[in-house]
Amino acid sequence: MGAEGQALMADGMQVDPEALRARSPKFAAAADKLDKAFQDLKSAREAEGNCWGNDDPGTAFHEEYAKALNESDATFTDLGEALNRTKEQLDQVSEQWESDDQSSAEGVENAGRAL
């Protein structure tokens, strides 16, 4: 471990696993906020209903609107999932860094004892 609990690599890269773990919940919180906004948006949309009518222009509008709506809904969902995955991956990376650092330290200690 380097200064202030940061794991060091030979090329000088530093990682602070505790800082990663401390900040990763912000990604899950952002996903929760996004989901809340999405649910509010869906509720508002549903409250309006089919306000463009069922005549030919209204039907034509609805066809294009439905396509755009499906795409935007998928984007909201995908972004929320990506934020949650980022949180999980930051946690995994921090655990892996600590594990690798501990293994390296044990290897150095064992090599030192062998001398």
C-alpha atoms as a PDB file:
ATOM      1  CA  MET A   1       0.000   0.000   0.000  1.00  0.00           C
ATOM      2  CA  GLY A   2       1.154   3.493  -0.769  1.00  0.00           C
ATOM      3  CA  ALA A   3       0.440   6.774   0.908  1.00  0.00           C
ATOM      4  CA  GLU A   4      -2.985   7.135   2.506  1.00  0.00           C
ATOM      5  CA  GLY A   5      -4.058   3.559   1.760  1.00  0.00           C
ATOM      6  CA  GLN A   6      -3.580   3.816  -1.991  1.00  0.00           C
ATOM      7  CA  ALA A   7      -2.482   0.726  -3.876  1.00  0.00           C
ATOM      8  CA  LEU A   8       0.483   1.437  -6.156  1.00  0.00           C
ATOM      9  CA  MET A   9       1.380  -0.178  -9.454  1.00  0.00           C
ATOM     10  CA  ALA A  10       4.881  -0.383 -10.895  1.00  0.00           C
ATOM     11  CA  ASP A  11       4.015   2.219 -13.542  1.00  0.00           C
ATOM     12  CA  GLY A  12       3.019   4.717 -10.860  1.00  0.00           C
ATOM     13  CA  MET A  13      -0.767   4.345 -11.072  1.00  0.00           C
ATOM     14  CA  GLN A  14      -2.461   4.801  -7.721  1.00  0.00           C
ATOM     15  CA  VAL A  15      -5.835   3.522  -6.606  1.00  0.00           C
ATOM     16  CA  ASP A  16      -7.594   4.285  -3.350  1.00  0.00           C
ATOM     17  CA  PRO A  17      -9.990   1.349  -2.861  1.00  0.00           C
ATOM     18  CA  GLU A  18     -11.675   2.955   0.146  1.00  0.00           C
ATOM     19  CA  ALA A  19     -12.375   6.118  -1.854  1.00  0.00           C
ATOM     20  CA  LEU A  20     -13.831   4.032  -4.692  1.00  0.00           C
ATOM     21  CA  ARG A  21     -16.124   2.222  -2.279  1.00  0.00           C
ATOM     22  CA  ALA A  22     -17.099   5.485  -0.588  1.00  0.00           C
ATOM     23  CA  ARG A  23     -18.088   7.083  -3.882  1.00  0.00           C
ATOM     24  CA  SER A  24     -19.703   4.139  -5.648  1.00  0.00           C
ATOM     25  CA  PRO A  25     -23.077   4.540  -3.873  1.00  0.00           C
ATOM     26  CA  LYS A  26     -23.456   7.897  -5.637  1.00  0.00           C
ATOM     27  CA  PHE A  27     -23.967   5.987  -8.880  1.00  0.00           C
ATOM     28  CA  ALA A  28     -26.768   3.906  -7.351  1.00  0.00           C
ATOM     29  CA  ALA A  29     -28.312   7.085  -5.917  1.00  0.00           C
ATOM     30  CA  ALA A  30     -28.182   8.707  -9.355  1.00  0.00           C
ATOM     31  CA  ALA A  31     -29.872   5.625 -10.827  1.00  0.00           C
ATOM     32  CA  ASP A  32     -32.609   5.885  -8.186  1.00  0.00           C
ATOM     33  CA  LYS A  33     -33.150   9.592  -8.949  1.00  0.00           C
ATOM     34  CA  LEU A  34     -33.277   8.845 -12.660  1.00  0.00           C
ATOM     35  CA  ASP A  35     -35.817   6.077 -12.097  1.00  0.00           C
ATOM     36  CA  LYS A  36     -37.976   8.406  -9.975  1.00  0.00           C
ATOM     37  CA  ALA A  37     -37.876  11.070 -12.702  1.00  0.00           C
ATOM     38  CA  PHE A  38     -38.731   8.434 -15.305  1.00  0.00           C
ATOM     39  CA  GLN A  39     -41.684   7.157 -13.265  1.00  0.00           C
ATOM     40  CA  ASP A  40     -42.937  10.741 -12.800  1.00  0.00           C
ATOM     41  CA  LEU A  41     -42.610  11.349 -16.533  1.00  0.00           C
ATOM     42  CA  LYS A  42     -44.493   8.157 -17.353  1.00  0.00           C
ATOM     43  CA  SER A  43     -47.270   9.092 -14.916  1.00  0.00           C
ATOM     44  CA  ALA A  44     -47.614  12.534 -16.494  1.00  0.00           C
ATOM     45  CA  ARG A  45     -47.688  11.006 -19.980  1.00  0.00           C
ATOM     46  CA  GLU A  46     -50.301   8.465 -18.987  1.00  0.00           C
ATOM     47  CA  ALA A  47     -52.445  11.166 -17.365  1.00  0.00           C
ATOM     48  CA  GLU A  48     -52.568  13.019 -20.684  1.00  0.00           C
ATOM     49  CA  GLY A  49     -53.653   9.956 -22.589  1.00  0.00           C
ATOM     50  CA  ASN A  50     -54.214  10.007 -26.333  1.00  0.00           C
ATOM     51  CA  CYS A  51     -54.654  13.784 -26.589  1.00  0.00           C
ATOM     52  CA  TRP A  52     -53.924  13.989 -30.346  1.00  0.00           C
ATOM     53  CA  GLY A  53     -57.144  12.299 -31.364  1.00  0.00           C
ATOM     54  CA  ASN A  54     -58.017   9.333 -33.541  1.00  0.00           C
ATOM     55  CA  ASP A  55     -58.395  11.092 -36.881  1.00  0.00           C
ATOM     56  CA  ASP A  56     -55.860  10.507 -39.690  1.00  0.00           C
ATOM     57  CA  PRO A  57     -53.388  13.206 -38.541  1.00  0.00           C
ATOM     58  CA  GLY A  58     -53.705  12.015 -34.926  1.00  0.00           C
ATOM     59  CA  THR A  59     -53.110   8.403 -35.940  1.00  0.00           C
ATOM     60  CA  ALA A  60     -50.077   9.370 -38.041  1.00  0.00           C
ATOM     61  CA  PHE A  61     -48.687  11.392 -35.134  1.00  0.00           C
ATOM     62  CA  HIS A  62     -49.240   8.520 -32.721  1.00  0.00           C
ATOM     63  CA  GLU A  63     -47.284   6.083 -34.902  1.00  0.00           C
ATOM     64  CA  GLU A  64     -44.194   8.300 -34.885  1.00  0.00           C
ATOM     65  CA  TYR A  65     -44.706   9.325 -31.261  1.00  0.00           C
ATOM     66  CA  ALA A  66     -44.903   5.702 -30.138  1.00  0.00           C
ATOM     67  CA  LYS A  67     -41.580   4.909 -31.832  1.00  0.00           C
ATOM     68  CA  ALA A  68     -39.862   7.875 -30.180  1.00  0.00           C
ATOM     69  CA  LEU A  69     -41.497   7.048 -26.855  1.00  0.00           C
ATOM     70  CA  ASN A  70     -40.229   3.465 -26.942  1.00  0.00           C
ATOM     71  CA  GLU A  71     -36.715   4.660 -27.753  1.00  0.00           C
ATOM     72  CA  SER A  72     -36.691   7.235 -24.958  1.00  0.00           C
ATOM     73  CA  ASP A  73     -38.087   4.734 -22.451  1.00  0.00           C
ATOM     74  CA  ALA A  74     -35.360   2.263 -23.401  1.00  0.00           C
ATOM     75  CA  THR A  75     -32.730   4.981 -23.003  1.00  0.00           C
ATOM     76  CA  PHE A  76     -33.943   5.847 -19.491  1.00  0.00           C
ATOM     77  CA  THR A  77     -33.874   2.174 -18.553  1.00  0.00           C
ATOM     78  CA  ASP A  78     -30.455   1.560 -20.111  1.00  0.00           C
ATOM     79  CA  LEU A  79     -28.926   4.574 -18.382  1.00  0.00           C
ATOM     80  CA  GLY A  80     -30.243   3.507 -14.980  1.00  0.00           C
ATOM     81  CA  GLU A  81     -28.860   0.011 -15.501  1.00  0.00           C
ATOM     82  CA  ALA A  82     -25.495   1.443 -16.586  1.00  0.00           C
ATOM     83  CA  LEU A  83     -25.298   3.586 -13.450  1.00  0.00           C
ATOM     84  CA  ASN A  84     -26.016   0.566 -11.244  1.00  0.00           C
ATOM     85  CA  ARG A  85     -23.436  -1.526 -13.136  1.00  0.00           C
ATOM     86  CA  THR A  86     -20.875   1.237 -12.657  1.00  0.00           C
ATOM     87  CA  LYS A  87     -21.466   1.141  -8.896  1.00  0.00           C
ATOM     88  CA  GLU A  88     -21.061  -2.634  -8.841  1.00  0.00           C
ATOM     89  CA  GLN A  89     -17.915  -2.493 -10.974  1.00  0.00           C
ATOM     90  CA  LEU A  90     -16.308   0.179  -8.794  1.00  0.00           C
ATOM     91  CA  ASP A  91     -16.940  -2.031  -5.765  1.00  0.00           C
ATOM     92  CA  GLN A  92     -15.464  -5.038  -7.575  1.00  0.00           C
ATOM     93  CA  VAL A  93     -12.411  -3.068  -8.709  1.00  0.00           C
ATOM     94  CA  SER A  94     -11.749  -1.810  -5.197  1.00  0.00           C
ATOM     95  CA  GLU A  95     -11.976  -5.344  -3.815  1.00  0.00           C
ATOM     96  CA  GLN A  96      -9.703  -6.678  -6.557  1.00  0.00           C
ATOM     97  CA  TRP A  97      -7.109  -3.948  -5.976  1.00  0.00           C
ATOM     98  CA  GLU A  98      -7.016  -4.701  -2.260  1.00  0.00           C
ATOM     99  CA  SER A  99      -6.802  -8.430  -2.891  1.00  0.00           C
ATOM    100  CA  ASP A 100      -4.013  -8.026  -5.453  1.00  0.00           C
ATOM    101  CA  ASP A 101      -2.135  -5.619  -3.206  1.00  0.00           C
ATOM    102  CA  GLN A 102      -2.404  -8.018  -0.262  1.00  0.00           C
ATOM    103  CA  SER A 103      -1.207 -10.929  -2.407  1.00  0.00           C
ATOM    104  CA  SER A 104       1.747  -8.888  -3.639  1.00  0.00           C
ATOM    105  CA  ALA A 105       2.656  -7.869  -0.105  1.00  0.00           C
ATOM    106  CA  GLU A 106       2.514 -11.491   1.037  1.00  0.00           C
ATOM    107  CA  GLY A 107       4.689 -12.509  -1.914  1.00  0.00           C
ATOM    108  CA  VAL A 108       7.307  -9.913  -0.987  1.00  0.00           C
ATOM    109  CA  GLU A 109       7.224 -10.998   2.668  1.00  0.00           C
ATOM    110  CA  ASN A 110       7.616 -14.654   1.704  1.00  0.00           C
ATOM    111  CA  ALA A 111      10.477 -13.828  -0.644  1.00  0.00           C
ATOM    112  CA  GLY A 112      12.144 -11.852   2.128  1.00  0.00           C
ATOM    113  CA  ARG A 113      11.867 -14.771   4.531  1.00  0.00           C
ATOM    114  CA  ALA A 114      13.411 -17.079   1.953  1.00  0.00           C
ATOM    115  CA  LEU A 115      16.551 -14.966   1.812  1.00  0.00           C
END
